[in-house]
Amino acid sequence: MLFFTAVYNWRGDTRYGLPLEIGETVQILEECAVRTNCRNRKLLFRGSINVITTFSWYRGFSTKNRAVKGIFPSSYVHLKPCKIDNEGLFESVIPLEDPVVREVTLVLREWGSIWKRLYVEREEYKFNALRKVMRELLEWRRQLLAGTLTTDQTRELKLRIINKVDWGNR
């Protein structure tokens, strides 16, 4: 079993679409070369995880609600290292992700609610300022998840993230 984490929000605004929230854990059931034949394809790994990333859509479910299955863009999810306890009906998925990545995910969820409220209340300056900071955090989170940074770059980026989160929580 492979679990992925959503790296972007997606409304699921297509037929059979599965809405995703950033940081949400999903399990992939099938790969879909195109949206129309998703239900007829089986997920083939062929020994390399890179094979499944070449497809444009996946069919799967969120671990928050396993009963609801749907499709979503493959570019909206990232392989999630995890440990599975009690495999079967009562299994638990324990993420093995970096604590800074986890924290920025939770912060983005919380700030997303604040951002929506600022929009409704027409607080244009604060709305735009928060949008800018959230976009920076999203990009930095993506860089951490990509795993292409050197150790020094990772350390510097984590410090920038922590400082930005501290600034935003004031």
C-alpha atoms as a PDB file:
ATOM      1  CA  MET A   1       0.000   0.000   0.000  1.00  0.00           C
ATOM      2  CA  LEU A   2       1.184   3.471  -0.837  1.00  0.00           C
ATOM      3  CA  PHE A   3      -0.080   6.626   0.779  1.00  0.00           C
ATOM      4  CA  PHE A   4       0.223  10.101  -0.630  1.00  0.00           C
ATOM      5  CA  THR A   5      -0.331  13.521   0.870  1.00  0.00           C
ATOM      6  CA  ALA A   6      -2.141  16.368  -0.861  1.00  0.00           C
ATOM      7  CA  VAL A   7       0.234  19.240  -1.559  1.00  0.00           C
ATOM      8  CA  TYR A   8      -2.516  21.539  -2.880  1.00  0.00           C
ATOM      9  CA  ASN A   9      -6.215  22.031  -2.200  1.00  0.00           C
ATOM     10  CA  TRP A  10      -8.504  20.709  -4.937  1.00  0.00           C
ATOM     11  CA  ARG A  11     -12.266  21.191  -5.034  1.00  0.00           C
ATOM     12  CA  GLY A  12     -12.972  17.954  -6.866  1.00  0.00           C
ATOM     13  CA  ASP A  13     -15.133  19.926  -9.267  1.00  0.00           C
ATOM     14  CA  THR A  14     -15.267  17.257 -11.967  1.00  0.00           C
ATOM     15  CA  ARG A  15     -17.364  14.133 -12.381  1.00  0.00           C
ATOM     16  CA  TYR A  16     -16.301  11.589  -9.725  1.00  0.00           C
ATOM     17  CA  GLY A  17     -13.854  14.168  -8.309  1.00  0.00           C
ATOM     18  CA  LEU A  18     -12.466  13.656  -4.810  1.00  0.00           C
ATOM     19  CA  PRO A  19     -11.946  17.005  -3.025  1.00  0.00           C
ATOM     20  CA  LEU A  20      -8.538  17.307  -1.347  1.00  0.00           C
ATOM     21  CA  GLU A  21      -7.259  19.564   1.413  1.00  0.00           C
ATOM     22  CA  ILE A  22      -3.593  20.323   1.739  1.00  0.00           C
ATOM     23  CA  GLY A  23      -1.917  17.776   4.022  1.00  0.00           C
ATOM     24  CA  GLU A  24      -4.713  15.218   3.646  1.00  0.00           C
ATOM     25  CA  THR A  25      -3.590  11.589   3.322  1.00  0.00           C
ATOM     26  CA  VAL A  26      -4.938   9.598   0.374  1.00  0.00           C
ATOM     27  CA  GLN A  27      -4.527   6.013  -0.757  1.00  0.00           C
ATOM     28  CA  ILE A  28      -4.244   5.393  -4.493  1.00  0.00           C
ATOM     29  CA  LEU A  29      -6.426   2.637  -5.948  1.00  0.00           C
ATOM     30  CA  GLU A  30      -5.940   3.182  -9.681  1.00  0.00           C
ATOM     31  CA  GLU A  31      -4.010   5.179 -12.203  1.00  0.00           C
ATOM     32  CA  CYS A  32      -5.879   7.068 -14.895  1.00  0.00           C
ATOM     33  CA  ALA A  33      -4.248   8.086 -18.167  1.00  0.00           C
ATOM     34  CA  VAL A  34      -7.335  10.158 -18.937  1.00  0.00           C
ATOM     35  CA  ARG A  35     -10.369  10.970 -16.818  1.00  0.00           C
ATOM     36  CA  THR A  36     -12.805   8.929 -18.919  1.00  0.00           C
ATOM     37  CA  ASN A  37     -11.216   5.510 -18.439  1.00  0.00           C
ATOM     38  CA  CYS A  38     -10.240   5.778 -14.780  1.00  0.00           C
ATOM     39  CA  ARG A  39     -12.600   3.080 -13.521  1.00  0.00           C
ATOM     40  CA  ASN A  40     -11.215   0.476 -15.936  1.00  0.00           C
ATOM     41  CA  ARG A  41      -7.492   0.771 -15.158  1.00  0.00           C
ATOM     42  CA  LYS A  42      -5.542  -1.029 -12.439  1.00  0.00           C
ATOM     43  CA  LEU A  43      -2.560   0.539 -10.684  1.00  0.00           C
ATOM     44  CA  LEU A  44       0.683  -1.099 -11.841  1.00  0.00           C
ATOM     45  CA  PHE A  45       3.865  -0.280  -9.996  1.00  0.00           C
ATOM     46  CA  ARG A  46       6.356  -2.413 -11.968  1.00  0.00           C
ATOM     47  CA  GLY A  47       8.906  -2.065  -9.179  1.00  0.00           C
ATOM     48  CA  SER A  48       9.358   1.693  -9.526  1.00  0.00           C
ATOM     49  CA  ILE A  49       7.319   4.454  -7.953  1.00  0.00           C
ATOM     50  CA  ASN A  50       8.216   6.738 -10.887  1.00  0.00           C
ATOM     51  CA  VAL A  51       5.892   4.787 -13.172  1.00  0.00           C
ATOM     52  CA  ILE A  52       2.762   6.008 -11.425  1.00  0.00           C
ATOM     53  CA  THR A  53       3.793   9.657 -11.376  1.00  0.00           C
ATOM     54  CA  THR A  54       3.664   9.839 -15.173  1.00  0.00           C
ATOM     55  CA  PHE A  55      -0.132   9.503 -15.209  1.00  0.00           C
ATOM     56  CA  SER A  56      -2.260  12.598 -15.027  1.00  0.00           C
ATOM     57  CA  TRP A  57      -5.056  11.339 -12.699  1.00  0.00           C
ATOM     58  CA  TYR A  58      -5.404   8.935  -9.774  1.00  0.00           C
ATOM     59  CA  ARG A  59      -8.448   7.278  -8.277  1.00  0.00           C
ATOM     60  CA  GLY A  60      -8.385   6.773  -4.534  1.00  0.00           C
ATOM     61  CA  PHE A  61      -9.815   7.772  -1.186  1.00  0.00           C
ATOM     62  CA  SER A  62      -8.974   9.953   1.768  1.00  0.00           C
ATOM     63  CA  THR A  63      -8.017   8.192   4.962  1.00  0.00           C
ATOM     64  CA  LYS A  64     -10.423  10.590   6.732  1.00  0.00           C
ATOM     65  CA  ASN A  65     -13.356   8.940   4.921  1.00  0.00           C
ATOM     66  CA  ARG A  66     -12.527   5.640   3.229  1.00  0.00           C
ATOM     67  CA  ALA A  67     -16.080   5.207   1.930  1.00  0.00           C
ATOM     68  CA  VAL A  68     -15.820   8.148  -0.495  1.00  0.00           C
ATOM     69  CA  LYS A  69     -13.701   7.360  -3.548  1.00  0.00           C
ATOM     70  CA  GLY A  70     -12.931   9.623  -6.476  1.00  0.00           C
ATOM     71  CA  ILE A  71     -10.387  10.975  -8.935  1.00  0.00           C
ATOM     72  CA  PHE A  72      -7.888  13.816  -8.562  1.00  0.00           C
ATOM     73  CA  PRO A  73      -4.847  15.174 -10.449  1.00  0.00           C
ATOM     74  CA  SER A  74      -1.640  13.261  -9.762  1.00  0.00           C
ATOM     75  CA  SER A  75       0.288  16.543  -9.520  1.00  0.00           C
ATOM     76  CA  TYR A  76      -1.730  17.451  -6.403  1.00  0.00           C
ATOM     77  CA  VAL A  77      -0.285  14.615  -4.297  1.00  0.00           C
ATOM     78  CA  HIS A  78       3.174  13.549  -3.143  1.00  0.00           C
ATOM     79  CA  LEU A  79       4.404  10.165  -1.890  1.00  0.00           C
ATOM     80  CA  LYS A  80       4.067  10.080   1.883  1.00  0.00           C
ATOM     81  CA  PRO A  81       6.496   7.987   3.910  1.00  0.00           C
ATOM     82  CA  CYS A  82       4.516   6.268   6.652  1.00  0.00           C
ATOM     83  CA  LYS A  83       4.284   3.301   8.963  1.00  0.00           C
ATOM     84  CA  ILE A  84       1.117   1.198   9.105  1.00  0.00           C
ATOM     85  CA  ASP A  85       0.014  -0.301  12.438  1.00  0.00           C
ATOM     86  CA  ASN A  86      -2.698  -2.961  12.750  1.00  0.00           C
ATOM     87  CA  GLU A  87      -3.018  -3.539   9.005  1.00  0.00           C
ATOM     88  CA  GLY A  88      -6.581  -4.407   8.039  1.00  0.00           C
ATOM     89  CA  LEU A  89      -9.937  -3.004   9.049  1.00  0.00           C
ATOM     90  CA  PHE A  90      -8.601  -1.023  12.030  1.00  0.00           C
ATOM     91  CA  GLU A  91      -5.247   0.045  10.610  1.00  0.00           C
ATOM     92  CA  SER A  92      -3.536   3.261  11.611  1.00  0.00           C
ATOM     93  CA  VAL A  93      -1.368   5.254   9.235  1.00  0.00           C
ATOM     94  CA  ILE A  94       1.435   6.988  11.114  1.00  0.00           C
ATOM     95  CA  PRO A  95       3.214   9.662   9.059  1.00  0.00           C
ATOM     96  CA  LEU A  96       6.990   9.707   9.076  1.00  0.00           C
ATOM     97  CA  GLU A  97       7.161  13.248   7.757  1.00  0.00           C
ATOM     98  CA  ASP A  98       9.328  16.105   8.873  1.00  0.00           C
ATOM     99  CA  PRO A  99       7.856  18.027  11.842  1.00  0.00           C
ATOM    100  CA  VAL A 100       8.347  21.384  10.050  1.00  0.00           C
ATOM    101  CA  VAL A 101       6.380  20.105   7.031  1.00  0.00           C
ATOM    102  CA  ARG A 102       3.628  18.904   9.350  1.00  0.00           C
ATOM    103  CA  GLU A 103       3.548  22.232  11.206  1.00  0.00           C
ATOM    104  CA  VAL A 104       3.377  24.320   8.029  1.00  0.00           C
ATOM    105  CA  THR A 105       0.539  22.093   6.792  1.00  0.00           C
ATOM    106  CA  LEU A 106      -1.466  22.720   9.957  1.00  0.00           C
ATOM    107  CA  VAL A 107      -0.671  26.448   9.849  1.00  0.00           C
ATOM    108  CA  LEU A 108      -1.829  26.715   6.226  1.00  0.00           C
ATOM    109  CA  ARG A 109      -5.110  25.021   7.113  1.00  0.00           C
ATOM    110  CA  GLU A 110      -5.669  27.394  10.031  1.00  0.00           C
ATOM    111  CA  TRP A 111      -4.652  30.476   8.073  1.00  0.00           C
ATOM    112  CA  GLY A 112      -6.893  29.368   5.186  1.00  0.00           C
ATOM    113  CA  SER A 113      -9.912  29.843   7.440  1.00  0.00           C
ATOM    114  CA  ILE A 114      -8.670  33.269   8.512  1.00  0.00           C
ATOM    115  CA  TRP A 115      -8.009  34.190   4.871  1.00  0.00           C
ATOM    116  CA  LYS A 116     -11.596  33.320   3.927  1.00  0.00           C
ATOM    117  CA  ARG A 117     -12.911  35.427   6.808  1.00  0.00           C
ATOM    118  CA  LEU A 118     -10.780  38.388   5.703  1.00  0.00           C
ATOM    119  CA  TYR A 119     -12.250  38.084   2.226  1.00  0.00           C
ATOM    120  CA  VAL A 120     -15.815  38.049   3.538  1.00  0.00           C
ATOM    121  CA  GLU A 121     -15.117  41.023   5.791  1.00  0.00           C
ATOM    122  CA  ARG A 122     -13.470  42.874   2.862  1.00  0.00           C
ATOM    123  CA  GLU A 123     -10.195  43.405   4.739  1.00  0.00           C
ATOM    124  CA  GLU A 124      -8.313  43.842   1.472  1.00  0.00           C
ATOM    125  CA  TYR A 125      -4.871  44.776   2.822  1.00  0.00           C
ATOM    126  CA  LYS A 126      -4.758  41.933   5.374  1.00  0.00           C
ATOM    127  CA  PHE A 127      -6.274  39.521   2.829  1.00  0.00           C
ATOM    128  CA  ASN A 128      -3.537  40.269   0.265  1.00  0.00           C
ATOM    129  CA  ALA A 129      -0.755  40.196   2.870  1.00  0.00           C
ATOM    130  CA  LEU A 130      -1.884  36.807   4.172  1.00  0.00           C
ATOM    131  CA  ARG A 131      -2.238  35.464   0.621  1.00  0.00           C
ATOM    132  CA  LYS A 132       1.368  36.429  -0.118  1.00  0.00           C
ATOM    133  CA  VAL A 133       2.675  34.737   3.030  1.00  0.00           C
ATOM    134  CA  MET A 134       0.579  31.618   2.425  1.00  0.00           C
ATOM    135  CA  ARG A 135       1.911  31.330  -1.137  1.00  0.00           C
ATOM    136  CA  GLU A 136       5.485  31.596   0.159  1.00  0.00           C
ATOM    137  CA  LEU A 137       4.825  28.875   2.729  1.00  0.00           C
ATOM    138  CA  LEU A 138       3.227  26.647   0.092  1.00  0.00           C
ATOM    139  CA  GLU A 139       6.248  27.023  -2.176  1.00  0.00           C
ATOM    140  CA  TRP A 140       8.707  26.382   0.651  1.00  0.00           C
ATOM    141  CA  ARG A 141       6.708  23.338   1.768  1.00  0.00           C
ATOM    142  CA  ARG A 142       6.807  22.026  -1.792  1.00  0.00           C
ATOM    143  CA  GLN A 143      10.596  22.481  -1.867  1.00  0.00           C
ATOM    144  CA  LEU A 144      10.988  20.522   1.372  1.00  0.00           C
ATOM    145  CA  LEU A 145       8.757  17.720   0.110  1.00  0.00           C
ATOM    146  CA  ALA A 146      10.633  17.485  -3.193  1.00  0.00           C
ATOM    147  CA  GLY A 147      13.753  16.383  -1.312  1.00  0.00           C
ATOM    148  CA  THR A 148      16.143  18.052  -3.769  1.00  0.00           C
ATOM    149  CA  LEU A 149      17.741  20.536  -1.357  1.00  0.00           C
ATOM    150  CA  THR A 150      21.140  20.102   0.249  1.00  0.00           C
ATOM    151  CA  THR A 151      21.352  19.748   4.018  1.00  0.00           C
ATOM    152  CA  ASP A 152      22.376  23.396   4.395  1.00  0.00           C
ATOM    153  CA  GLN A 153      19.593  24.599   2.083  1.00  0.00           C
ATOM    154  CA  THR A 154      17.062  22.506   4.006  1.00  0.00           C
ATOM    155  CA  ARG A 155      18.223  23.929   7.340  1.00  0.00           C
ATOM    156  CA  GLU A 156      18.050  27.517   6.033  1.00  0.00           C
ATOM    157  CA  LEU A 157      14.610  26.948   4.506  1.00  0.00           C
ATOM    158  CA  LYS A 158      13.272  25.463   7.740  1.00  0.00           C
ATOM    159  CA  LEU A 159      14.503  28.525   9.641  1.00  0.00           C
ATOM    160  CA  ARG A 160      12.761  30.818   7.125  1.00  0.00           C
ATOM    161  CA  ILE A 161       9.558  28.793   7.508  1.00  0.00           C
ATOM    162  CA  ILE A 162       9.685  28.896  11.308  1.00  0.00           C
ATOM    163  CA  ASN A 163      10.321  32.660  11.289  1.00  0.00           C
ATOM    164  CA  LYS A 164       7.459  33.263   8.838  1.00  0.00           C
ATOM    165  CA  VAL A 165       5.052  31.135  10.891  1.00  0.00           C
ATOM    166  CA  ASP A 166       6.089  32.967  14.082  1.00  0.00           C
ATOM    167  CA  TRP A 167       5.571  36.313  12.317  1.00  0.00           C
ATOM    168  CA  GLY A 168       2.133  35.258  11.088  1.00  0.00           C
ATOM    169  CA  ASN A 169       0.990  34.016  14.487  1.00  0.00           C
ATOM    170  CA  ARG A 170       1.620  37.417  16.115  1.00  0.00           C
END
